Amino acid sequence: MRTKIILLAFLLVFAAGNKCAAQKVSVSTNLVDWAYLWTVNGELGFSVDQHFSLVAGGKANPWNFEKPNGKDIYNCQSTVYAGARYWPWYVFSGWWMGAKVQYSSFSNTGLWRPELTEGKSVGAGLSAGYTFMINERLNLELGAGFWGGRHFKYNQYDAPETMNLLSSAPKNFIAVDNVTIAFMYIF
């Protein structure tokens, strides 16, 4: 019984010495992804400290678009990621730096070149940006990031119409991952 009382007293003293704040959660969507062939996207953020947040998100694009010449343009993908952000001032406002791990399944062609690339990728990325507080609940986020990793089950074809295989081999990569202009809502 005496051990339980000492343990309870220790917990009360420890709890009284720590600042407690409400858990904050954010949801956001990137307008640049929406502008790039209507890529549906979303991110969920959890404040775990005054300076740190955890993020999880994804994006998907199942649509094909046809050019006037009859050729298809598409950036079909299913991407999921999880990571953390460091906020020097306070979580969900001001400058931030982030790191994440990411998985993506993709098939794209037509925007800049006629080749079709398909595959699956896994890797890690870094990003940075600034979040402007519009009001108590709404923020505007600007940022950029890159990621690198391994394309596996990677195939490159000359065009979607002919599907002549140009290369088929796993390879390492580094690429721009995102340019962010996002609205963030905080609960």
C-alpha atoms as a PDB file:
ATOM      1  CA  MET A   1       0.000   0.000   0.000  1.00  0.00           C
ATOM      2  CA  ARG A   2       2.828   2.385   0.870  1.00  0.00           C
ATOM      3  CA  THR A   3       4.413   1.779  -2.578  1.00  0.00           C
ATOM      4  CA  LYS A   4       1.142   2.694  -4.296  1.00  0.00           C
ATOM      5  CA  ILE A   5       0.858   5.949  -2.332  1.00  0.00           C
ATOM      6  CA  ILE A   6       4.454   6.908  -3.171  1.00  0.00           C
ATOM      7  CA  LEU A   7       3.880   6.070  -6.839  1.00  0.00           C
ATOM      8  CA  LEU A   8       0.637   8.092  -6.903  1.00  0.00           C
ATOM      9  CA  ALA A   9       2.360  11.062  -5.237  1.00  0.00           C
ATOM     10  CA  PHE A  10       5.217  10.893  -7.757  1.00  0.00           C
ATOM     11  CA  LEU A  11       2.764  10.845 -10.682  1.00  0.00           C
ATOM     12  CA  LEU A  12       0.832  13.826  -9.297  1.00  0.00           C
ATOM     13  CA  VAL A  13       4.018  15.871  -8.812  1.00  0.00           C
ATOM     14  CA  PHE A  14       5.223  14.903 -12.307  1.00  0.00           C
ATOM     15  CA  ALA A  15       1.863  15.809 -13.892  1.00  0.00           C
ATOM     16  CA  ALA A  16       1.673  19.135 -12.034  1.00  0.00           C
ATOM     17  CA  GLY A  17       5.092  20.155 -13.363  1.00  0.00           C
ATOM     18  CA  ASN A  18       4.214  19.588 -17.014  1.00  0.00           C
ATOM     19  CA  LYS A  19       2.292  21.978 -19.204  1.00  0.00           C
ATOM     20  CA  CYS A  20      -0.789  20.288 -20.664  1.00  0.00           C
ATOM     21  CA  ALA A  21      -2.389  21.449 -23.888  1.00  0.00           C
ATOM     22  CA  ALA A  22      -5.161  20.168 -26.086  1.00  0.00           C
ATOM     23  CA  GLN A  23      -4.247  17.749 -28.850  1.00  0.00           C
ATOM     24  CA  LYS A  24      -4.401  19.496 -32.200  1.00  0.00           C
ATOM     25  CA  VAL A  25      -5.235  17.773 -35.440  1.00  0.00           C
ATOM     26  CA  SER A  26      -5.017  19.202 -38.952  1.00  0.00           C
ATOM     27  CA  VAL A  27      -6.313  18.172 -42.359  1.00  0.00           C
ATOM     28  CA  SER A  28      -4.990  19.694 -45.545  1.00  0.00           C
ATOM     29  CA  THR A  29      -5.127  19.397 -49.316  1.00  0.00           C
ATOM     30  CA  ASN A  30      -2.573  20.558 -51.876  1.00  0.00           C
ATOM     31  CA  LEU A  31      -3.964  22.816 -54.615  1.00  0.00           C
ATOM     32  CA  VAL A  32      -0.971  22.148 -56.890  1.00  0.00           C
ATOM     33  CA  ASP A  33      -1.817  18.425 -56.972  1.00  0.00           C
ATOM     34  CA  TRP A  34      -5.427  19.244 -57.826  1.00  0.00           C
ATOM     35  CA  ALA A  35      -4.218  21.481 -60.675  1.00  0.00           C
ATOM     36  CA  TYR A  36      -1.943  18.699 -61.976  1.00  0.00           C
ATOM     37  CA  LEU A  37      -4.498  16.476 -63.725  1.00  0.00           C
ATOM     38  CA  TRP A  38      -6.991  16.470 -60.809  1.00  0.00           C
ATOM     39  CA  THR A  39      -4.873  14.432 -58.414  1.00  0.00           C
ATOM     40  CA  VAL A  40      -6.996  13.835 -55.308  1.00  0.00           C
ATOM     41  CA  ASN A  41      -4.893  14.324 -52.173  1.00  0.00           C
ATOM     42  CA  GLY A  42      -5.102  14.789 -48.440  1.00  0.00           C
ATOM     43  CA  GLU A  43      -2.913  14.915 -45.365  1.00  0.00           C
ATOM     44  CA  LEU A  44      -3.670  14.401 -41.690  1.00  0.00           C
ATOM     45  CA  GLY A  45      -1.381  15.985 -39.086  1.00  0.00           C
ATOM     46  CA  PHE A  46      -1.153  15.358 -35.336  1.00  0.00           C
ATOM     47  CA  SER A  47       0.570  17.723 -32.917  1.00  0.00           C
ATOM     48  CA  VAL A  48       2.657  15.662 -30.492  1.00  0.00           C
ATOM     49  CA  ASP A  49       4.649  18.544 -28.972  1.00  0.00           C
ATOM     50  CA  GLN A  50       5.006  22.304 -29.268  1.00  0.00           C
ATOM     51  CA  HIS A  51       7.610  21.764 -32.011  1.00  0.00           C
ATOM     52  CA  PHE A  52       6.746  18.379 -33.570  1.00  0.00           C
ATOM     53  CA  SER A  53       3.898  16.901 -35.570  1.00  0.00           C
ATOM     54  CA  LEU A  54       3.300  13.553 -37.230  1.00  0.00           C
ATOM     55  CA  VAL A  55       1.796  13.452 -40.721  1.00  0.00           C
ATOM     56  CA  ALA A  56       0.161  10.779 -42.854  1.00  0.00           C
ATOM     57  CA  GLY A  57      -1.316  11.276 -46.262  1.00  0.00           C
ATOM     58  CA  GLY A  58      -1.852  10.093 -49.749  1.00  0.00           C
ATOM     59  CA  LYS A  59      -2.851  10.941 -53.257  1.00  0.00           C
ATOM     60  CA  ALA A  60      -4.601   9.141 -56.071  1.00  0.00           C
ATOM     61  CA  ASN A  61      -5.239   9.858 -59.723  1.00  0.00           C
ATOM     62  CA  PRO A  62      -7.233   7.347 -61.803  1.00  0.00           C
ATOM     63  CA  TRP A  63      -8.105   9.675 -64.728  1.00  0.00           C
ATOM     64  CA  ASN A  64      -7.008   9.781 -68.373  1.00  0.00           C
ATOM     65  CA  PHE A  65      -7.241  12.900 -70.513  1.00  0.00           C
ATOM     66  CA  GLU A  66      -7.131  13.013 -74.297  1.00  0.00           C
ATOM     67  CA  LYS A  67      -5.146  15.591 -76.272  1.00  0.00           C
ATOM     68  CA  PRO A  68      -6.684  17.104 -79.428  1.00  0.00           C
ATOM     69  CA  ASN A  69      -4.413  14.800 -81.491  1.00  0.00           C
ATOM     70  CA  GLY A  70      -6.032  11.739 -79.864  1.00  0.00           C
ATOM     71  CA  LYS A  71      -3.076  10.841 -77.605  1.00  0.00           C
ATOM     72  CA  ASP A  72      -3.675  10.197 -73.907  1.00  0.00           C
ATOM     73  CA  ILE A  73      -2.231  12.190 -71.002  1.00  0.00           C
ATOM     74  CA  TYR A  74      -2.337  10.652 -67.563  1.00  0.00           C
ATOM     75  CA  ASN A  75      -0.541  10.507 -64.254  1.00  0.00           C
ATOM     76  CA  CYS A  76      -2.256   7.522 -62.656  1.00  0.00           C
ATOM     77  CA  GLN A  77      -0.937   6.895 -59.175  1.00  0.00           C
ATOM     78  CA  SER A  78      -1.642   5.633 -55.699  1.00  0.00           C
ATOM     79  CA  THR A  79       0.720   7.132 -53.146  1.00  0.00           C
ATOM     80  CA  VAL A  80       0.822   6.871 -49.347  1.00  0.00           C
ATOM     81  CA  TYR A  81       3.319   8.383 -46.899  1.00  0.00           C
ATOM     82  CA  ALA A  82       3.994   8.940 -43.226  1.00  0.00           C
ATOM     83  CA  GLY A  83       6.471  11.245 -41.551  1.00  0.00           C
ATOM     84  CA  ALA A  84       7.261  13.947 -39.029  1.00  0.00           C
ATOM     85  CA  ARG A  85       7.731  17.719 -39.093  1.00  0.00           C
ATOM     86  CA  TYR A  86       9.790  20.018 -36.922  1.00  0.00           C
ATOM     87  CA  TRP A  87       8.334  23.497 -36.300  1.00  0.00           C
ATOM     88  CA  PRO A  88      10.921  25.915 -34.759  1.00  0.00           C
ATOM     89  CA  TRP A  89       8.307  28.378 -33.513  1.00  0.00           C
ATOM     90  CA  TYR A  90       5.099  26.464 -32.825  1.00  0.00           C
ATOM     91  CA  VAL A  91       3.352  23.517 -34.440  1.00  0.00           C
ATOM     92  CA  PHE A  92       1.076  24.351 -37.427  1.00  0.00           C
ATOM     93  CA  SER A  93       2.495  27.879 -37.858  1.00  0.00           C
ATOM     94  CA  GLY A  94       5.657  29.401 -39.276  1.00  0.00           C
ATOM     95  CA  TRP A  95       8.646  27.577 -40.760  1.00  0.00           C
ATOM     96  CA  TRP A  96       8.799  23.775 -40.810  1.00  0.00           C
ATOM     97  CA  MET A  97      11.102  20.973 -41.969  1.00  0.00           C
ATOM     98  CA  GLY A  98       9.888  17.450 -42.603  1.00  0.00           C
ATOM     99  CA  ALA A  99      10.998  13.904 -43.325  1.00  0.00           C
ATOM    100  CA  LYS A 100       8.892  10.992 -44.532  1.00  0.00           C
ATOM    101  CA  VAL A 101       8.803   7.493 -45.953  1.00  0.00           C
ATOM    102  CA  GLN A 102       6.688   6.930 -49.043  1.00  0.00           C
ATOM    103  CA  TYR A 103       5.291   4.195 -51.308  1.00  0.00           C
ATOM    104  CA  SER A 104       3.918   4.868 -54.779  1.00  0.00           C
ATOM    105  CA  SER A 105       2.416   2.825 -57.592  1.00  0.00           C
ATOM    106  CA  PHE A 106       2.351   4.790 -60.856  1.00  0.00           C
ATOM    107  CA  SER A 107       1.679   4.838 -64.595  1.00  0.00           C
ATOM    108  CA  ASN A 108       2.205   8.089 -66.477  1.00  0.00           C
ATOM    109  CA  THR A 109       2.603   9.451 -69.991  1.00  0.00           C
ATOM    110  CA  GLY A 110       1.942  12.279 -72.345  1.00  0.00           C
ATOM    111  CA  LEU A 111       2.526  15.560 -70.591  1.00  0.00           C
ATOM    112  CA  TRP A 112       6.143  16.259 -71.566  1.00  0.00           C
ATOM    113  CA  ARG A 113       7.056  13.162 -73.573  1.00  0.00           C
ATOM    114  CA  PRO A 114       5.239  10.275 -75.253  1.00  0.00           C
ATOM    115  CA  GLU A 115       6.944   7.493 -73.248  1.00  0.00           C
ATOM    116  CA  LEU A 116       4.892   5.458 -70.806  1.00  0.00           C
ATOM    117  CA  THR A 117       6.474   4.605 -67.450  1.00  0.00           C
ATOM    118  CA  GLU A 118       4.957   2.183 -64.976  1.00  0.00           C
ATOM    119  CA  GLY A 119       6.146   0.809 -61.679  1.00  0.00           C
ATOM    120  CA  LYS A 120       6.211   0.864 -57.954  1.00  0.00           C
ATOM    121  CA  SER A 121       8.538   2.951 -55.795  1.00  0.00           C
ATOM    122  CA  VAL A 122       9.565   3.053 -52.180  1.00  0.00           C
ATOM    123  CA  GLY A 123      11.792   5.644 -50.541  1.00  0.00           C
ATOM    124  CA  ALA A 124      12.249   8.574 -48.185  1.00  0.00           C
ATOM    125  CA  GLY A 125      11.976  12.307 -48.642  1.00  0.00           C
ATOM    126  CA  LEU A 126      12.754  15.709 -47.164  1.00  0.00           C
ATOM    127  CA  SER A 127      10.697  18.876 -47.404  1.00  0.00           C
ATOM    128  CA  ALA A 128      10.506  22.391 -46.002  1.00  0.00           C
ATOM    129  CA  GLY A 129       8.099  25.287 -46.062  1.00  0.00           C
ATOM    130  CA  TYR A 130       6.212  28.009 -44.300  1.00  0.00           C
ATOM    131  CA  THR A 131       2.668  27.993 -42.939  1.00  0.00           C
ATOM    132  CA  PHE A 132       0.721  31.270 -42.748  1.00  0.00           C
ATOM    133  CA  MET A 133      -2.040  31.565 -40.165  1.00  0.00           C
ATOM    134  CA  ILE A 134      -5.120  32.966 -41.921  1.00  0.00           C
ATOM    135  CA  ASN A 135      -7.331  32.696 -38.841  1.00  0.00           C
ATOM    136  CA  GLU A 136      -7.693  30.493 -35.759  1.00  0.00           C
ATOM    137  CA  ARG A 137      -8.646  27.402 -37.790  1.00  0.00           C
ATOM    138  CA  LEU A 138      -7.393  27.983 -41.366  1.00  0.00           C
ATOM    139  CA  ASN A 139      -3.791  28.111 -42.594  1.00  0.00           C
ATOM    140  CA  LEU A 140      -2.095  28.503 -45.964  1.00  0.00           C
ATOM    141  CA  GLU A 141       0.951  26.289 -46.419  1.00  0.00           C
ATOM    142  CA  LEU A 142       3.760  26.822 -48.960  1.00  0.00           C
ATOM    143  CA  GLY A 143       6.526  24.272 -49.389  1.00  0.00           C
ATOM    144  CA  ALA A 144       8.633  22.025 -51.584  1.00  0.00           C
ATOM    145  CA  GLY A 145      10.276  18.667 -51.232  1.00  0.00           C
ATOM    146  CA  PHE A 146      12.090  15.818 -52.919  1.00  0.00           C
ATOM    147  CA  TRP A 147      12.362  12.115 -52.385  1.00  0.00           C
ATOM    148  CA  GLY A 148      14.656   9.318 -53.419  1.00  0.00           C
ATOM    149  CA  GLY A 149      14.562   5.582 -53.290  1.00  0.00           C
ATOM    150  CA  ARG A 150      14.128   2.577 -55.492  1.00  0.00           C
ATOM    151  CA  HIS A 151      11.828   1.982 -58.454  1.00  0.00           C
ATOM    152  CA  PHE A 152      11.027  -1.720 -58.525  1.00  0.00           C
ATOM    153  CA  LYS A 153       8.870  -3.426 -61.159  1.00  0.00           C
ATOM    154  CA  TYR A 154       9.825  -0.433 -63.326  1.00  0.00           C
ATOM    155  CA  ASN A 155       9.006  -0.560 -67.051  1.00  0.00           C
ATOM    156  CA  GLN A 156       9.425   2.095 -69.715  1.00  0.00           C
ATOM    157  CA  TYR A 157       7.597   1.848 -73.053  1.00  0.00           C
ATOM    158  CA  ASP A 158       7.911   3.974 -76.203  1.00  0.00           C
ATOM    159  CA  ALA A 159       4.180   4.909 -76.193  1.00  0.00           C
ATOM    160  CA  PRO A 160       0.907   3.640 -74.693  1.00  0.00           C
ATOM    161  CA  GLU A 161      -0.420   2.802 -78.165  1.00  0.00           C
ATOM    162  CA  THR A 162       2.456   0.519 -79.229  1.00  0.00           C
ATOM    163  CA  MET A 163       3.768  -0.657 -75.817  1.00  0.00           C
ATOM    164  CA  ASN A 164       7.253  -1.464 -77.185  1.00  0.00           C
ATOM    165  CA  LEU A 165       9.395  -2.100 -74.120  1.00  0.00           C
ATOM    166  CA  LEU A 166      12.395   0.270 -73.916  1.00  0.00           C
ATOM    167  CA  SER A 167      13.706  -0.848 -70.523  1.00  0.00           C
ATOM    168  CA  SER A 168      12.670  -3.059 -67.666  1.00  0.00           C
ATOM    169  CA  ALA A 169      14.895  -2.949 -64.637  1.00  0.00           C
ATOM    170  CA  PRO A 170      14.744  -1.677 -61.078  1.00  0.00           C
ATOM    171  CA  LYS A 171      16.650   1.553 -60.552  1.00  0.00           C
ATOM    172  CA  ASN A 172      17.452   4.162 -57.929  1.00  0.00           C
ATOM    173  CA  PHE A 173      16.060   7.670 -58.259  1.00  0.00           C
ATOM    174  CA  ILE A 174      15.941  11.163 -56.775  1.00  0.00           C
ATOM    175  CA  ALA A 175      13.033  13.369 -57.843  1.00  0.00           C
ATOM    176  CA  VAL A 176      11.027  16.435 -56.945  1.00  0.00           C
ATOM    177  CA  ASP A 177       8.202  15.076 -54.835  1.00  0.00           C
ATOM    178  CA  ASN A 178       5.913  18.011 -54.441  1.00  0.00           C
ATOM    179  CA  VAL A 179       5.420  21.715 -54.663  1.00  0.00           C
ATOM    180  CA  THR A 180       2.869  22.673 -52.038  1.00  0.00           C
ATOM    181  CA  ILE A 181       0.255  25.404 -51.928  1.00  0.00           C
ATOM    182  CA  ALA A 182      -2.178  23.883 -49.471  1.00  0.00           C
ATOM    183  CA  PHE A 183      -5.083  24.853 -47.276  1.00  0.00           C
ATOM    184  CA  MET A 184      -4.879  23.419 -43.758  1.00  0.00           C
ATOM    185  CA  TYR A 185      -7.822  23.235 -41.367  1.00  0.00           C
ATOM    186  CA  ILE A 186      -6.999  22.801 -37.661  1.00  0.00           C
ATOM    187  CA  PHE A 187      -9.357  21.105 -35.197  1.00  0.00           C
END
